[in-house]
């Protein structure tokens, strides 16, 4: 069975759009990959409001964090920034033949990935390789210590089986100098570039799509991907999908809702406005 997983480290002031994103993602899985399971790992769940988790098939499991990084140790860190590594460790301990896809809550599943994807590529791990541009700009990876030519790995979608999870845990355990590594994708980038694991890229199945006016990389074929990551829709577009969950009862409903409620649109006008916006911003910067 394929198991979709979200690792959500929560605090009392965690914004509601994270929970709304989980529910919207869960609904997208229900209509796009019906023979699968969805698990939400949380460090606590004592103050959850009703975010339609039961209706959307969300199974909650409580998992305490071991990889907590304090602000004292890393000034730019944030609580639970390595919580995904706790979940990977949990998966490594499972006696299971399941395939796991770990996602950020601002992802949507719009198709079913081949159940033999990892097997066909001869590996136990699938990573999303970031594309230079906006993906690099917001990453904060310590290039000064590892070099400018390093290939960044994204943490928004990770495909593994239990053996792959064990390989990741073993490789991370061998890192002796962890200064500047703030998030799980920083650790994954290090072990991937140092040849500590064997992995394949999942960029044919996954895309990080920017829908901001300051940067857009939307394309006509975006709806052909199986999983889309919409970081710029986290606070507005995806909460709108959450509000309409009761009306998303089929894959066609899902695609129509994404087109209507987010800025993921094939639009010459929007692309032109985005180019003018960037040109104006750059011109003012040079002035």
Protein backbone atom coordinates (compact mmCIF):
# COMPACT_ATOMS: atom_id res chain seq x y z
CA UNK A 1 0.00 0.00 0.00
CA UNK A 2 1.09 3.57 -0.60
CA UNK A 3 1.06 5.70 2.54
CA UNK A 4 1.05 9.49 2.28
CA UNK A 5 2.57 11.22 5.28
CA UNK A 6 2.70 14.77 6.62
CA UNK A 7 5.06 15.70 9.46
CA UNK A 8 3.55 18.68 11.30
CA UNK A 9 5.30 20.06 14.37
CA UNK A 10 2.72 22.25 16.07
CA UNK A 11 2.65 24.84 18.82
CA UNK A 12 -0.27 26.70 20.37
CA UNK A 13 0.17 29.57 17.91
CA UNK A 14 0.48 27.39 14.79
CA UNK A 15 -1.57 29.17 12.08
CA UNK A 16 -4.79 27.48 11.03
CA UNK A 17 -3.77 27.40 7.36
CA UNK A 18 -1.38 24.52 8.12
CA UNK A 19 -4.30 22.38 9.35
CA UNK A 20 -6.44 23.53 6.43
CA UNK A 21 -3.63 22.50 4.09
CA UNK A 22 -3.53 19.03 5.62
CA UNK A 23 -7.27 18.58 5.05
CA UNK A 24 -7.10 19.91 1.47
CA UNK A 25 -4.18 17.59 0.74
CA UNK A 26 -6.06 14.66 2.26
CA UNK A 27 -9.09 15.35 0.07
CA UNK A 28 -6.86 15.54 -3.02
CA UNK A 29 -5.49 12.10 -2.12
CA UNK A 30 -9.00 10.69 -1.62
CA UNK A 31 -10.02 11.60 -5.17
CA UNK A 32 -6.65 11.02 -6.91
CA UNK A 33 -5.20 7.88 -5.29
CA UNK A 34 -8.10 6.01 -3.70
CA UNK A 35 -6.23 2.85 -2.69
CA UNK A 36 -3.88 4.68 -0.33
CA UNK A 37 -3.65 5.77 3.29
CA UNK A 38 -2.95 9.18 4.81
CA UNK A 39 -1.12 9.63 8.13
CA UNK A 40 -0.52 12.93 9.92
CA UNK A 41 2.33 12.82 12.44
CA UNK A 42 2.11 15.52 15.11
CA UNK A 43 4.01 16.19 18.31
CA UNK A 44 0.74 17.08 20.05
CA UNK A 45 -2.94 17.28 19.21
CA UNK A 46 -4.59 18.54 22.36
CA UNK A 47 -5.93 21.78 20.94
CA UNK A 48 -7.02 20.79 17.45
CA UNK A 49 -10.16 22.45 16.19
CA UNK A 50 -12.42 20.75 13.68
CA UNK A 51 -10.49 20.77 10.41
CA UNK A 52 -12.51 18.02 8.73
CA UNK A 53 -9.81 15.43 9.41
CA UNK A 54 -12.28 12.57 9.89
CA UNK A 55 -14.17 13.46 6.74
CA UNK A 56 -10.99 13.56 4.67
CA UNK A 57 -9.51 10.34 6.06
CA UNK A 58 -6.67 11.79 8.14
CA UNK A 59 -5.16 9.31 10.59
CA UNK A 60 -3.34 11.13 13.40
CA UNK A 61 -0.32 9.65 15.17
CA UNK A 62 1.52 11.43 17.99
CA UNK A 63 5.32 11.41 17.68
CA UNK A 64 7.62 13.41 19.91
CA UNK A 65 10.56 15.28 18.39
CA UNK A 66 14.15 14.18 18.91
CA UNK A 67 15.80 16.50 16.39
CA UNK A 68 14.75 19.77 18.02
CA UNK A 69 17.08 22.68 17.25
CA UNK A 70 16.97 25.61 19.67
CA UNK A 71 17.39 29.25 18.77
CA UNK A 72 20.50 29.28 20.94
CA UNK A 73 22.16 26.57 18.84
CA UNK A 74 21.13 28.07 15.48
CA UNK A 75 19.78 31.66 15.49
CA UNK A 76 17.95 31.14 12.17
CA UNK A 77 16.32 27.86 13.15
CA UNK A 78 12.70 27.38 14.17
CA UNK A 79 10.98 24.84 16.44
CA UNK A 80 10.47 21.49 14.79
CA UNK A 81 12.55 22.38 11.73
CA UNK A 82 13.86 18.79 11.65
CA UNK A 83 10.62 17.05 12.59
CA UNK A 84 10.51 15.28 9.22
CA UNK A 85 13.69 13.43 10.25
CA UNK A 86 11.81 12.09 13.29
CA UNK A 87 9.14 10.74 10.97
CA UNK A 88 11.72 9.17 8.65
CA UNK A 89 13.25 7.47 11.70
CA UNK A 90 9.79 6.20 12.67
CA UNK A 91 9.29 4.76 9.19
CA UNK A 92 12.71 3.10 9.38
CA UNK A 93 11.53 1.17 12.43
CA UNK A 94 8.41 -0.15 10.70
CA UNK A 95 8.16 -3.76 9.53
CA UNK A 96 6.33 -2.93 6.35
CA UNK A 97 6.45 -3.33 2.58
CA UNK A 98 4.56 -0.07 2.14
CA UNK A 99 5.84 2.81 0.06
CA UNK A 100 5.78 6.19 1.79
CA UNK A 101 5.45 9.65 0.30
CA UNK A 102 6.21 12.41 2.79
CA UNK A 103 4.70 15.76 1.79
CA UNK A 104 4.43 19.33 2.99
CA UNK A 105 0.87 20.46 3.81
CA UNK A 106 0.92 22.93 0.90
CA UNK A 107 1.13 20.09 -1.62
CA UNK A 108 -1.73 18.54 -3.58
CA UNK A 109 -1.92 15.09 -5.12
CA UNK A 110 -3.50 15.30 -8.57
CA UNK A 111 -2.48 11.92 -9.97
CA UNK A 112 -1.28 8.47 -8.97
CA UNK A 113 2.47 7.78 -9.13
CA UNK A 114 3.46 4.37 -10.50
CA UNK A 115 3.52 1.96 -7.56
CA UNK A 116 6.81 0.53 -8.88
CA UNK A 117 8.52 3.88 -9.41
CA UNK A 118 11.37 3.26 -6.96
CA UNK A 119 11.78 -0.34 -8.07
CA UNK A 120 12.00 0.64 -11.73
CA UNK A 121 14.72 3.16 -10.87
CA UNK A 122 16.66 0.66 -8.79
CA UNK A 123 16.63 2.59 -5.53
CA UNK A 124 14.80 2.92 -2.22
CA UNK A 125 14.73 6.73 -2.10
CA UNK A 126 13.24 9.39 -4.37
CA UNK A 127 14.20 13.07 -3.96
CA UNK A 128 12.99 16.25 -5.61
CA UNK A 129 15.88 18.26 -7.06
CA UNK A 130 15.40 22.00 -6.70
CA UNK A 131 15.63 24.22 -9.76
CA UNK A 132 17.94 27.23 -9.62
CA UNK A 133 16.06 30.50 -9.16
CA UNK A 134 13.38 31.09 -6.55
CA UNK A 135 13.89 27.57 -5.14
CA UNK A 136 17.49 28.45 -4.25
CA UNK A 137 16.71 31.98 -3.07
CA UNK A 138 14.60 30.87 -0.08
CA UNK A 139 16.60 27.80 0.91
CA UNK A 140 19.30 29.30 3.23
CA UNK A 141 21.63 26.39 2.56
CA UNK A 142 25.21 27.11 3.79
CA UNK A 143 26.86 27.19 0.36
CA UNK A 144 29.93 28.85 1.88
CA UNK A 145 30.76 25.57 3.63
CA UNK A 146 29.78 23.08 0.94
CA UNK A 147 30.46 24.92 -2.32
CA UNK A 148 28.36 26.71 -4.91
CA UNK A 149 28.05 23.72 -7.26
CA UNK A 150 26.05 21.57 -4.86
CA UNK A 151 22.64 20.33 -6.02
CA UNK A 152 19.88 21.25 -3.58
CA UNK A 153 17.29 18.68 -2.54
CA UNK A 154 13.79 19.81 -1.64
CA UNK A 155 11.98 18.50 1.41
CA UNK A 156 8.42 19.03 0.17
CA UNK A 157 8.10 15.53 -1.32
CA UNK A 158 10.20 12.52 -0.26
CA UNK A 159 9.48 9.04 -1.57
CA UNK A 160 10.90 6.12 0.43
CA UNK A 161 10.35 2.58 1.59
CA UNK A 162 11.49 1.29 4.97
CA UNK A 163 14.92 0.33 3.64
CA UNK A 164 15.32 3.82 2.18
CA UNK A 165 14.39 5.34 5.53
CA UNK A 166 17.07 3.23 7.20
CA UNK A 167 19.65 4.36 4.63
CA UNK A 168 18.78 8.01 5.26
CA UNK A 169 19.03 7.62 9.04
CA UNK A 170 22.39 5.88 8.77
CA UNK A 171 23.76 8.55 6.42
CA UNK A 172 22.56 11.43 8.61
CA UNK A 173 24.08 9.76 11.64
CA UNK A 174 27.48 9.91 9.94
CA UNK A 175 27.41 13.72 9.60
CA UNK A 176 29.81 15.03 12.23
CA UNK A 177 29.68 18.78 11.56
CA UNK A 178 26.08 20.00 11.52
CA UNK A 179 26.65 23.74 11.72
CA UNK A 180 24.35 25.72 9.42
CA UNK A 181 22.08 22.77 8.65
CA UNK A 182 18.68 24.13 9.63
CA UNK A 183 16.07 21.93 7.96
CA UNK A 184 15.58 18.36 6.81
CA UNK A 185 16.26 19.37 3.21
CA UNK A 186 19.67 20.69 4.23
CA UNK A 187 20.55 17.30 5.70
CA UNK A 188 19.15 15.47 2.68
CA UNK A 189 21.16 17.75 0.39
CA UNK A 190 24.38 16.93 2.23
CA UNK A 191 23.95 13.15 2.21
CA UNK A 192 22.80 13.17 -1.43
CA UNK A 193 25.77 15.23 -2.65
CA UNK A 194 28.35 13.36 -0.59
CA UNK A 195 27.33 10.07 -2.14
CA UNK A 196 26.21 8.58 1.17
CA UNK A 197 22.99 7.17 -0.33
CA UNK A 198 21.65 5.93 -3.65
CA UNK A 199 18.57 7.80 -4.81
CA UNK A 200 16.60 8.78 -7.89
CA UNK A 201 15.01 12.07 -8.86
CA UNK A 202 11.21 12.39 -8.83
CA UNK A 203 11.04 15.62 -10.84
CA UNK A 204 9.11 13.85 -13.60
CA UNK A 205 6.27 13.31 -11.10
CA UNK A 206 6.54 16.39 -8.87
CA UNK A 207 6.84 20.13 -9.41
CA UNK A 208 7.26 23.10 -7.09
CA UNK A 209 5.12 25.77 -8.71
CA UNK A 210 5.50 29.45 -7.88
CA UNK A 211 2.39 31.54 -8.49
CA UNK A 212 3.55 34.91 -7.17
CA UNK A 213 3.51 38.06 -9.24
CA UNK A 214 7.19 38.45 -8.38
CA UNK A 215 7.94 34.98 -9.78
CA UNK A 216 5.84 32.54 -11.79
CA UNK A 217 6.89 29.24 -13.33
CA UNK A 218 3.45 27.95 -14.33
CA UNK A 219 3.20 25.98 -17.56
CA UNK A 220 0.49 24.31 -19.62
CA UNK A 221 1.59 20.82 -18.58
CA UNK A 222 1.53 21.42 -14.81
CA UNK A 223 -1.66 19.40 -14.40
CA UNK A 224 0.13 16.38 -15.86
CA UNK A 225 2.31 16.07 -12.77
CA UNK A 226 1.18 13.71 -10.03
CA UNK A 227 2.04 15.99 -7.09
CA UNK A 228 2.24 19.77 -7.13
CA UNK A 229 3.74 21.97 -4.43
CA UNK A 230 2.18 25.44 -4.17
CA UNK A 231 4.18 27.38 -1.54
CA UNK A 232 2.73 30.75 -2.55
CA UNK A 233 -0.84 29.43 -2.10
CA UNK A 234 -0.33 28.35 1.51
CA UNK A 235 -2.20 31.27 3.09
CA UNK A 236 -4.91 31.98 0.52
CA UNK A 237 -5.47 29.54 -2.33
CA UNK A 238 -5.26 26.32 -0.33
CA UNK A 239 -7.49 27.62 2.52
CA UNK A 240 -10.05 28.41 -0.19
CA UNK A 241 -9.84 24.78 -1.30
CA UNK A 242 -10.38 23.76 2.32
CA UNK A 243 -13.57 25.84 2.47
CA UNK A 244 -14.90 23.95 -0.58
CA UNK A 245 -13.88 20.44 0.49
CA UNK A 246 -17.51 19.28 0.65
CA UNK A 247 -17.85 20.07 -3.07
CA UNK A 248 -14.68 18.22 -4.14
CA UNK A 249 -15.99 14.70 -4.74
CA UNK A 250 -14.07 13.70 -7.85
CA UNK A 251 -10.76 14.28 -9.59
CA UNK A 252 -12.47 16.64 -12.04
CA UNK A 253 -13.87 18.64 -9.11
CA UNK A 254 -10.35 18.90 -7.67
CA UNK A 255 -8.74 20.17 -10.87
CA UNK A 256 -11.57 22.65 -11.46
CA UNK A 257 -11.24 23.95 -7.88
CA UNK A 258 -7.47 24.37 -8.19
CA UNK A 259 -7.93 26.34 -11.40
CA UNK A 260 -10.58 28.55 -9.81
CA UNK A 261 -9.23 29.17 -6.30
CA UNK A 262 -5.46 29.42 -6.91
CA UNK A 263 -3.23 31.39 -9.25
CA UNK A 264 -2.12 28.20 -11.01
CA UNK A 265 -3.48 29.35 -14.35
CA UNK A 266 -2.09 29.19 -17.87
CA UNK A 267 -2.44 32.91 -18.52
CA UNK A 268 -0.49 35.09 -20.92
CA UNK A 269 -1.89 38.13 -19.09
CA UNK A 270 -0.69 36.97 -15.66
CA UNK A 271 2.73 36.08 -17.07
CA UNK A 272 2.97 39.51 -18.68
CA UNK A 273 1.98 41.28 -15.45
CA UNK A 274 4.58 39.20 -13.59
CA UNK A 275 7.32 40.22 -16.06
CA UNK A 276 6.36 43.91 -15.72
CA UNK A 277 6.36 43.57 -11.92
CA UNK A 278 9.86 42.06 -11.90
CA UNK A 279 11.18 44.61 -14.41
CA UNK A 280 9.81 47.50 -12.31
CA UNK A 281 11.27 46.05 -9.11
CA UNK A 282 14.70 45.57 -10.73
CA UNK A 283 14.63 49.06 -12.24
CA UNK A 284 13.85 50.63 -8.87
CA UNK A 285 16.65 48.58 -7.31
CA UNK A 286 19.18 49.98 -9.77
CA UNK A 287 17.93 53.54 -9.45
